[in-house]
Structures are given as C-alpha cells and as structure tokens.
Amino acid sequence: MKRFKSLALAAALLAAATAQADINVGVTVSATGPAASLGIPEKNTISILPTTIGGQKINYTVLDDGSDTTNAVANTRKLITESKADVIMGSTTTPNSLAMIDVVAEAQVPMISLAASARIVEPQDPKRRWVFKTPQNDIMMSIAIVQHMANQGVKTVGFIGFADAYGEGWYSEFSKIAALKGIQIVANERYNRADTSVTGQVLKIVAAKPDAVLVAASGTPAVLPQKALKERGYTGKYYQTHGVANNDFLRVGGKDVDDTYLPSGPVLVALQLPADHPVRKSAIDYVTKYEAAFGKGSVSTFGGHAWDAGVLLQAAIPIALKKAQPGTPAFRAALRDALETVKEAPGAHGIFNMSATDHLGLDQRARVMVKIENGAWKYVP
C-alpha cells in the first residue's frame, strides 16, 4: 500500500511538473539606434502576443540590440544560455539576422527573423534549416515595383541603397527584374545607415537623369536620399521599398516623401482593401488589437512581422507539444519541424504556407502597391 502511494505521488508530481512546463521565447529587436522606428513597433507587438499556446504558458524575454550586429549576436547567445529560449525571434534588420544564424544553428534552436532579405533563409542549408522569417522577400517586392514602373512608362532608374546586405540584396533582385522589363539602371549608389549626407551620391544620380529613383533602405534613414534629391531639383518618380512602411517615415519625410510609391504588406492599408481581399480580415485583426493597446494610427508593418511570427508559433507549438516537452532539445527540434508544416495560416501580411524548402511561405497575396498622398498611405489597386 505504501509503495502504491509512493508511485501515485511520484506520478502526480511528474504530471504537475509537466503541466507547469513553460515555453520560453527569446526576442532581440532594434528598439534603439538607426532601426528604432522598425524595432519599437516590433517590441510593442510582443506585448500583445498570446501568453498561452496549446495549454502551455509562454514567457517572452525581450532584449534591445541597438541596431548593432555584435549586440544582436550577444543577445542571442544570452537568450539561449541564460533564458533557455526554445525559439528565437528577431532581429529587426538583415545584417543582425544574418549574424545570428551561426548561433542558433550551433545551439539547434529555431529562429524566426523579422528582417526582409531572402539571404536569411536562402539557400536552405544545414544552418538555415533552423531559420524562418516573416517579411516578404526582396524579389516579391521588386516584381511589384518593376511592374508599376513599366506601367508608368519608366525606362531608366537611379538606384541608391544601404551599403550592407539590405541594399545589396535589393540591388541583386531589382536589377534582374528590371532587365527583364527593359528598364535600365543608369546610376548605382550606396550609403551607410548612420550617414548624415549623401550629396556625392545624389549628384551622380541627378547627372544620370533617370526617369525614376529607387531608394533601397529602411526606416527613417531612407528619407535622407529623397530629401537630398528634392533639394537638387530632381523631378522624376520616387520609389521606396517596404522597409519604410511606418508612420515615422512619413513624419520625418514630410512633404519630401509625398507622391512616393512603394510595395507593402496589406496590413499598411488594411481598411482600404477590397472586401474580398484574402488578407483583409487577418490584417484588420492585428490593426485593431495593436491600436487598442497603443492608440489609433500607431500601427506599422514592422510590428506586423512580429505578429506574424506569433501566428507561426500558434500554429506550430501545439504540433511540437505532441512530440516533446518545452525546455528540451527534442522540443526545439520538434518546433523546427512543425514550423515547416504550417499551412494556410492567416497573418497581418499574408497567408503562410511553409515547407522544407520555403521558410517564408508567402505568395503574391502578401503585397500591394501604396502611394504616399498628403502625408498618408493610399492603396493603389
């Protein structure tokens, strides 16, 4: 009888321990530094993500990497070793996310990046098999821009982008699509995220007399080339990437960014979308929840990427829990495997369909064209 009671007690304790197991989500975002206008809404969004998934409590540990690659790597190591993260979310920028890949691959912890470059998840290899991302690929957005340029009669383009993986990735993809449409790139310039002047680069672009200029940058630093071009009297068409789709860009750019075209996730103009748009409902769901917490008009596409990371976890965690318990290497491997099986998951930016060869899972439903008019975003059908 005593032995039976001991076994029963042991079983009860085991069950209690199992029920109390938490899932730890480690997050590093750029809440300060040049990418702060992207990282702040991401950080805010983490606070409205579910705290229970599949009956398990979710703990979010959020660190700021200051838009610095070294800090992003250090944060990732800290989140894995000290916070015992079962999954890493972040970082905000492409250079930071690329630098984090070695760390998560070595520790065999899945990572969901909030940065855009396809290089974060492509080509799939033993390291990148642990990495997923939620922002649209450069190629998807490049196609949207080039199609719009062609429709507008653009024949020549001046290109200026960040002097890092973001700018290089964009040039690589944009130049391929532009060539297919017969659009010639007549100027190709770079600048650093923290630069305060781009006079030399802008003078070269103006001298080339392009029909349009594409600025391949993100956040408020993307305003700098456009302001300089306006000051030099450039009157051609302006294009930006989805890296500027937040209200801080409008605030800093003011009238200088009016009449700019850019591709964006549907969430930016969710309320303007047609009633039958496949992403309208899920995009409005995020907008409603974010603005309830942070105020009307506060939502941005970058926070939407963090929300979509949460959507992926809500779909994958219940599957992983059937195979292993949180806090174990087996659970982390099961979560990685489960992320590859996510199908038809509606997010703020699109409908996710992951696979072993596609760690983004978005299609053309995940982008629309937008124009800035009188300091506001306008959906372009």
Protein backbone atom coordinates (compact mmCIF):
# COMPACT_ATOMS: atom_id res chain seq x y z
CA MET A 1 0.00 0.00 0.00
CA LYS A 2 2.81 2.37 0.93
CA ARG A 3 4.57 1.58 -2.36
CA PHE A 4 1.35 2.31 -4.28
CA LYS A 5 1.01 5.69 -2.56
CA SER A 6 4.63 6.50 -3.37
CA LEU A 7 4.11 5.66 -7.03
CA ALA A 8 0.91 7.70 -7.11
CA LEU A 9 2.69 10.66 -5.51
CA ALA A 10 5.55 10.39 -7.99
CA ALA A 11 3.09 10.26 -10.88
CA ALA A 12 1.24 13.30 -9.53
CA LEU A 13 4.47 15.25 -9.14
CA LEU A 14 5.51 14.31 -12.68
CA ALA A 15 2.15 15.40 -14.05
CA ALA A 16 2.36 18.68 -12.17
CA ALA A 17 5.86 19.31 -13.46
CA THR A 18 4.72 18.54 -16.99
CA ALA A 19 1.71 20.86 -16.72
CA GLN A 20 3.87 23.69 -15.40
CA ALA A 21 6.47 23.49 -18.17
CA ASP A 22 6.78 26.89 -19.84
CA ILE A 23 7.81 27.73 -23.38
CA ASN A 24 10.50 30.40 -23.50
CA VAL A 25 10.58 32.78 -26.46
CA GLY A 26 13.73 34.87 -26.69
CA VAL A 27 13.40 38.13 -28.62
CA THR A 28 16.06 40.58 -29.80
CA VAL A 29 14.91 43.70 -31.68
CA SER A 30 16.40 47.06 -32.61
CA ALA A 31 14.42 49.31 -30.27
CA THR A 32 17.16 51.96 -30.36
CA GLY A 33 19.67 53.07 -32.99
CA PRO A 34 19.06 53.73 -36.72
CA ALA A 35 16.43 50.96 -36.98
CA ALA A 36 14.45 52.04 -33.91
CA SER A 37 11.41 53.08 -35.95
CA LEU A 38 11.19 49.44 -37.05
CA GLY A 39 12.13 47.79 -33.77
CA ILE A 40 9.83 49.75 -31.44
CA PRO A 41 6.56 48.54 -33.04
CA GLU A 42 8.01 45.02 -33.05
CA LYS A 43 8.77 45.28 -29.34
CA ASN A 44 5.30 46.69 -28.71
CA THR A 45 3.71 43.82 -30.61
CA ILE A 46 5.41 41.20 -28.45
CA SER A 47 3.42 42.58 -25.51
CA ILE A 48 0.10 41.69 -27.19
CA LEU A 49 1.04 38.17 -28.32
CA PRO A 50 -0.68 35.21 -26.61
CA THR A 51 0.72 34.21 -23.22
CA THR A 52 -0.70 30.69 -23.52
CA ILE A 53 -0.48 28.40 -26.56
CA GLY A 54 -1.57 24.78 -26.59
CA GLY A 55 -2.25 24.94 -22.87
CA GLN A 56 1.35 25.96 -22.13
CA LYS A 57 2.44 29.27 -20.64
CA ILE A 58 4.62 31.40 -22.93
CA ASN A 59 7.41 33.53 -21.45
CA TYR A 60 8.76 36.33 -23.68
CA THR A 61 12.18 37.77 -22.87
CA VAL A 62 12.82 40.89 -24.97
CA LEU A 63 16.27 42.46 -25.40
CA ASP A 64 17.32 45.55 -27.38
CA ASP A 65 20.32 45.14 -29.71
CA GLY A 66 20.55 48.86 -30.51
CA SER A 67 20.61 48.14 -34.28
CA ASP A 68 24.08 46.66 -33.75
CA THR A 69 25.17 43.32 -35.19
CA THR A 70 27.52 42.46 -32.33
CA ASN A 71 24.79 43.14 -29.78
CA ALA A 72 22.32 41.00 -31.72
CA VAL A 73 24.70 38.04 -31.58
CA ALA A 74 25.41 38.59 -27.88
CA ASN A 75 21.68 38.86 -27.14
CA THR A 76 21.00 35.64 -29.00
CA ARG A 77 23.63 33.76 -27.00
CA LYS A 78 22.29 35.20 -23.75
CA LEU A 79 18.70 34.28 -24.59
CA ILE A 80 19.71 30.70 -25.37
CA THR A 81 22.09 30.12 -22.45
CA GLU A 82 20.51 32.20 -19.68
CA SER A 83 16.83 32.43 -20.64
CA LYS A 84 16.75 28.87 -22.01
CA ALA A 85 14.92 30.03 -25.12
CA ASP A 86 13.06 27.34 -27.05
CA VAL A 87 12.83 29.68 -30.04
CA ILE A 88 14.46 32.99 -31.00
CA MET A 89 12.51 35.83 -32.59
CA GLY A 90 14.37 38.64 -34.36
CA SER A 91 16.25 40.61 -35.16
CA THR A 92 14.88 43.70 -36.88
CA THR A 93 17.48 44.20 -39.60
CA THR A 94 19.03 41.95 -42.23
CA PRO A 95 22.69 42.32 -41.08
CA ASN A 96 21.72 41.46 -37.49
CA SER A 97 19.65 38.46 -38.54
CA LEU A 98 22.37 37.11 -40.81
CA ALA A 99 24.88 37.34 -37.97
CA MET A 100 22.58 35.37 -35.65
CA ILE A 101 22.30 32.34 -37.92
CA ASP A 102 25.53 30.69 -36.77
CA VAL A 103 24.49 30.99 -33.13
CA VAL A 104 21.05 29.40 -33.47
CA ALA A 105 22.33 26.70 -35.82
CA GLU A 106 25.08 25.73 -33.39
CA ALA A 107 22.61 25.61 -30.47
CA GLN A 108 19.92 23.97 -32.65
CA VAL A 109 17.28 26.49 -31.62
CA PRO A 110 14.74 27.60 -34.24
CA MET A 111 14.73 31.28 -35.16
CA ILE A 112 12.05 33.45 -36.78
CA SER A 113 13.63 36.57 -38.28
CA LEU A 114 11.75 39.86 -38.59
CA ALA A 115 14.07 41.10 -41.37
CA ALA A 116 13.46 41.05 -45.11
CA SER A 117 16.40 39.71 -47.12
CA ALA A 118 15.92 36.33 -48.78
CA ARG A 119 19.53 35.55 -47.83
CA ILE A 120 18.35 34.93 -44.29
CA VAL A 121 16.59 31.74 -45.37
CA GLU A 122 18.06 31.04 -48.81
CA PRO A 123 19.63 28.83 -49.93
CA GLN A 124 18.44 26.20 -47.47
CA ASP A 125 21.47 24.51 -45.90
CA PRO A 126 22.32 22.82 -42.58
CA LYS A 127 22.44 26.21 -40.82
CA ARG A 128 19.45 27.89 -42.43
CA ARG A 129 17.24 24.87 -41.81
CA TRP A 130 16.87 26.34 -38.29
CA VAL A 131 15.86 29.78 -39.60
CA PHE A 132 12.47 31.11 -40.74
CA LYS A 133 11.27 34.65 -41.45
CA THR A 134 8.04 36.61 -41.82
CA PRO A 135 8.79 39.70 -44.02
CA GLN A 136 8.28 39.45 -47.77
CA ASN A 137 11.33 38.62 -49.89
CA ASP A 138 13.06 41.32 -51.92
CA ILE A 139 12.20 39.55 -55.18
CA MET A 140 8.46 39.66 -54.46
CA MET A 141 8.57 43.39 -53.79
CA SER A 142 10.95 44.04 -56.68
CA ILE A 143 8.44 42.50 -59.08
CA ALA A 144 5.74 44.82 -57.75
CA ILE A 145 7.93 47.91 -58.19
CA VAL A 146 9.14 46.99 -61.68
CA GLN A 147 5.61 46.21 -62.88
CA HIS A 148 4.46 49.60 -61.61
CA MET A 149 7.43 51.36 -63.21
CA ALA A 150 6.73 49.70 -66.54
CA ASN A 151 3.09 50.75 -66.38
CA GLN A 152 4.21 54.32 -65.66
CA GLY A 153 6.48 54.39 -68.70
CA VAL A 154 9.74 54.36 -66.73
CA LYS A 155 12.73 53.41 -68.91
CA THR A 156 15.70 54.43 -66.75
CA VAL A 157 16.27 54.19 -62.99
CA GLY A 158 18.75 55.55 -60.49
CA PHE A 159 19.40 53.20 -57.56
CA ILE A 160 20.66 54.19 -54.09
CA GLY A 161 20.65 51.75 -51.19
CA PHE A 162 22.23 50.88 -47.87
CA ALA A 163 25.87 49.78 -48.04
CA ASP A 164 25.05 46.47 -46.38
CA ALA A 165 23.18 43.22 -47.01
CA TYR A 166 19.84 45.02 -47.32
CA GLY A 167 20.97 47.33 -50.11
CA GLU A 168 22.97 44.63 -51.89
CA GLY A 169 20.12 42.15 -51.70
CA TRP A 170 17.72 44.66 -53.16
CA TYR A 171 20.05 45.60 -56.00
CA SER A 172 20.60 41.95 -56.87
CA GLU A 173 16.89 41.19 -57.13
CA PHE A 174 15.72 44.51 -58.58
CA SER A 175 18.36 44.55 -61.33
CA LYS A 176 17.27 41.09 -62.54
CA ILE A 177 13.60 42.03 -62.83
CA ALA A 178 14.35 45.48 -64.29
CA ALA A 179 16.43 43.90 -67.05
CA LEU A 180 13.57 41.55 -67.96
CA LYS A 181 11.28 44.57 -68.39
CA GLY A 182 13.84 46.53 -70.40
CA ILE A 183 14.39 49.12 -67.64
CA GLN A 184 17.98 50.36 -67.49
CA ILE A 185 19.75 51.20 -64.22
CA VAL A 186 21.81 54.30 -65.04
CA ALA A 187 23.17 55.01 -61.54
CA ASN A 188 24.03 52.66 -58.67
CA GLU A 189 24.97 54.26 -55.33
CA ARG A 190 25.30 53.25 -51.65
CA TYR A 191 25.31 54.96 -48.24
CA ASN A 192 25.58 53.91 -44.60
CA ARG A 193 22.60 53.78 -42.24
CA ALA A 194 24.15 56.37 -39.92
CA ASP A 195 25.27 58.81 -42.67
CA THR A 196 24.11 62.42 -42.41
CA SER A 197 24.89 63.41 -46.02
CA VAL A 198 24.58 61.73 -49.42
CA THR A 199 25.41 64.76 -51.56
CA GLY A 200 28.04 62.99 -53.69
CA GLN A 201 25.79 60.04 -54.46
CA VAL A 202 22.81 62.25 -55.26
CA LEU A 203 24.81 64.46 -57.63
CA LYS A 204 25.75 61.35 -59.65
CA ILE A 205 22.13 60.23 -59.80
CA VAL A 206 20.85 63.65 -60.88
CA ALA A 207 23.55 63.83 -63.57
CA ALA A 208 22.34 60.50 -64.99
CA LYS A 209 18.82 61.97 -65.45
CA PRO A 210 16.82 58.81 -64.67
CA ASP A 211 13.06 58.64 -65.12
CA ALA A 212 12.76 57.32 -61.56
CA VAL A 213 14.83 56.68 -58.45
CA LEU A 214 14.57 53.67 -56.16
CA VAL A 215 15.81 54.11 -52.59
CA ALA A 216 16.62 50.67 -51.15
CA ALA A 217 16.78 51.50 -47.46
CA SER A 218 14.65 51.09 -44.36
CA GLY A 219 13.28 53.17 -41.51
CA THR A 220 13.86 56.89 -41.18
CA PRO A 221 17.40 56.78 -42.72
CA ALA A 222 15.62 56.12 -46.04
CA VAL A 223 14.41 59.74 -46.01
CA LEU A 224 17.94 61.15 -46.44
CA PRO A 225 18.46 60.42 -50.18
CA GLN A 226 14.96 61.57 -51.06
CA LYS A 227 15.35 64.89 -49.25
CA ALA A 228 18.71 65.43 -50.96
CA LEU A 229 17.22 64.63 -54.38
CA LYS A 230 14.40 67.10 -53.79
CA GLU A 231 16.92 69.77 -52.77
CA ARG A 232 18.82 69.19 -56.01
CA GLY A 233 15.63 69.65 -58.02
CA TYR A 234 15.07 66.08 -59.14
CA THR A 235 11.51 65.87 -60.51
CA GLY A 236 11.28 62.25 -61.64
CA LYS A 237 9.31 59.48 -59.95
CA TYR A 238 10.28 58.26 -56.48
CA TYR A 239 10.10 54.67 -55.23
CA GLN A 240 10.95 53.20 -51.85
CA THR A 241 10.94 49.63 -50.54
CA HIS A 242 8.65 48.07 -47.93
CA GLY A 243 11.39 48.94 -45.44
CA VAL A 244 9.83 52.41 -44.95
CA ALA A 245 6.23 51.41 -44.31
CA ASN A 246 5.69 53.12 -40.97
CA ASN A 247 4.48 56.49 -39.77
CA ASP A 248 7.90 57.64 -38.57
CA PHE A 249 9.00 57.71 -42.22
CA LEU A 250 6.05 59.98 -43.01
CA ARG A 251 6.80 62.20 -40.02
CA VAL A 252 10.49 62.65 -40.81
CA GLY A 253 9.99 62.87 -44.57
CA GLY A 254 7.12 65.35 -44.53
CA LYS A 255 6.29 66.85 -47.93
CA ASP A 256 9.53 65.49 -49.39
CA VAL A 257 8.11 61.97 -49.48
CA ASP A 258 4.70 62.84 -50.94
CA ASP A 259 3.94 61.12 -54.27
CA THR A 260 6.31 58.24 -53.43
CA TYR A 261 5.36 54.70 -54.49
CA LEU A 262 6.25 51.56 -52.56
CA PRO A 263 5.21 47.94 -52.21
CA SER A 264 3.89 46.96 -48.79
CA GLY A 265 2.25 44.22 -46.83
CA PRO A 266 -1.56 44.54 -46.94
CA VAL A 267 -1.66 45.48 -43.25
CA LEU A 268 -0.46 49.04 -44.03
CA VAL A 269 -3.74 49.83 -45.81
CA ALA A 270 -5.91 47.10 -44.29
CA LEU A 271 -9.08 49.21 -44.06
CA GLN A 272 -8.73 50.33 -47.69
CA LEU A 273 -8.53 46.81 -49.09
CA PRO A 274 -11.44 45.37 -51.08
CA ALA A 275 -13.86 43.30 -49.03
CA ASP A 276 -12.79 40.13 -50.84
CA HIS A 277 -9.05 40.60 -50.32
CA PRO A 278 -7.75 37.35 -48.73
CA VAL A 279 -5.66 39.15 -46.09
CA ARG A 280 -8.10 41.93 -45.15
CA LYS A 281 -9.69 40.13 -42.18
CA SER A 282 -6.46 38.93 -40.54
CA ALA A 283 -4.73 42.27 -41.19
CA ILE A 284 -7.57 44.22 -39.57
CA ASP A 285 -7.46 41.83 -36.60
CA TYR A 286 -3.86 42.86 -35.92
CA VAL A 287 -4.53 46.57 -36.52
CA THR A 288 -7.47 46.50 -34.11
CA LYS A 289 -5.50 44.82 -31.32
CA TYR A 290 -2.39 46.95 -31.75
CA GLU A 291 -4.27 50.24 -31.84
CA ALA A 292 -6.35 49.23 -28.81
CA ALA A 293 -3.08 48.94 -26.90
CA PHE A 294 -1.06 51.80 -28.41
CA GLY A 295 -3.50 54.28 -29.91
CA LYS A 296 -5.27 54.95 -33.19
CA GLY A 297 -2.94 55.35 -36.13
CA SER A 298 0.01 53.81 -34.28
CA VAL A 299 0.22 50.55 -36.24
CA SER A 300 3.10 49.81 -38.63
CA THR A 301 4.01 46.98 -40.96
CA PHE A 302 7.08 46.13 -38.88
CA GLY A 303 5.04 45.28 -35.85
CA GLY A 304 3.02 43.13 -38.22
CA HIS A 305 6.10 41.00 -38.87
CA ALA A 306 6.36 40.26 -35.14
CA TRP A 307 2.64 39.48 -35.04
CA ASP A 308 3.10 37.03 -37.90
CA ALA A 309 5.94 35.34 -36.03
CA GLY A 310 3.39 34.84 -33.27
CA VAL A 311 0.93 33.41 -35.81
CA LEU A 312 3.53 30.85 -36.86
CA LEU A 313 4.20 29.86 -33.25
CA GLN A 314 0.48 29.47 -32.54
CA ALA A 315 0.26 27.05 -35.46
CA ALA A 316 3.48 25.11 -34.73
CA ILE A 317 3.65 24.84 -30.93
CA PRO A 318 0.62 22.54 -30.47
CA ILE A 319 2.17 20.14 -33.01
CA ALA A 320 5.58 20.21 -31.29
CA LEU A 321 4.00 19.60 -27.87
CA LYS A 322 2.72 16.24 -29.08
CA LYS A 323 6.31 15.09 -29.53
CA ALA A 324 8.31 16.64 -26.68
CA GLN A 325 8.28 18.88 -23.63
CA PRO A 326 9.46 22.52 -23.64
CA GLY A 327 12.96 23.20 -22.39
CA THR A 328 14.47 20.20 -24.15
CA PRO A 329 16.50 19.77 -27.35
CA ALA A 330 13.79 17.39 -28.54
CA PHE A 331 11.14 20.11 -28.25
CA ARG A 332 13.25 22.63 -30.13
CA ALA A 333 13.79 20.14 -32.93
CA ALA A 334 10.08 19.30 -32.96
CA LEU A 335 9.20 23.00 -33.11
CA ARG A 336 11.56 23.49 -36.05
CA ASP A 337 9.93 20.56 -37.84
CA ALA A 338 6.43 21.85 -37.01
CA LEU A 339 7.17 25.30 -38.45
CA GLU A 340 7.82 23.64 -41.80
CA THR A 341 4.31 22.16 -41.77
CA VAL A 342 2.37 25.41 -41.20
CA LYS A 343 -0.35 25.73 -43.84
CA GLU A 344 -2.91 28.44 -44.64
CA ALA A 345 -2.08 30.46 -41.52
CA PRO A 346 -3.55 33.98 -41.93
CA GLY A 347 -1.30 36.78 -40.69
CA ALA A 348 -1.12 40.56 -40.85
CA HIS A 349 0.90 40.44 -44.07
CA GLY A 350 -0.29 37.32 -45.86
CA ILE A 351 -1.24 33.66 -45.75
CA PHE A 352 1.67 31.44 -44.65
CA ASN A 353 2.35 28.07 -46.27
CA MET A 354 5.72 26.79 -45.08
CA SER A 355 7.69 23.79 -46.36
CA ALA A 356 11.12 22.20 -46.05
CA THR A 357 12.30 24.31 -48.99
CA ASP A 358 10.36 27.51 -48.24
CA HIS A 359 10.95 29.05 -44.81
CA LEU A 360 8.96 32.19 -45.66
CA GLY A 361 5.78 30.72 -47.08
CA LEU A 362 4.24 33.87 -48.55
CA ASP A 363 2.93 34.40 -52.08
CA GLN A 364 1.73 37.43 -54.07
CA ARG A 365 -1.24 37.86 -51.73
CA ALA A 366 1.30 39.33 -49.31
CA ARG A 367 1.93 42.57 -51.18
CA VAL A 368 0.10 45.60 -52.51
CA MET A 369 1.26 48.88 -54.06
CA VAL A 370 0.88 52.04 -51.99
CA LYS A 371 1.29 55.74 -52.73
CA ILE A 372 2.02 58.48 -50.21
CA GLU A 373 -0.51 61.30 -50.64
CA ASN A 374 -0.66 64.35 -48.36
CA GLY A 375 1.30 62.55 -45.66
CA ALA A 376 -0.87 59.41 -45.68
CA TRP A 377 -0.79 55.91 -47.18
CA LYS A 378 -3.13 55.28 -50.12
CA TYR A 379 -3.87 51.84 -51.53
CA VAL A 380 -3.15 51.63 -55.28
CA PRO A 381 -5.43 48.99 -56.92
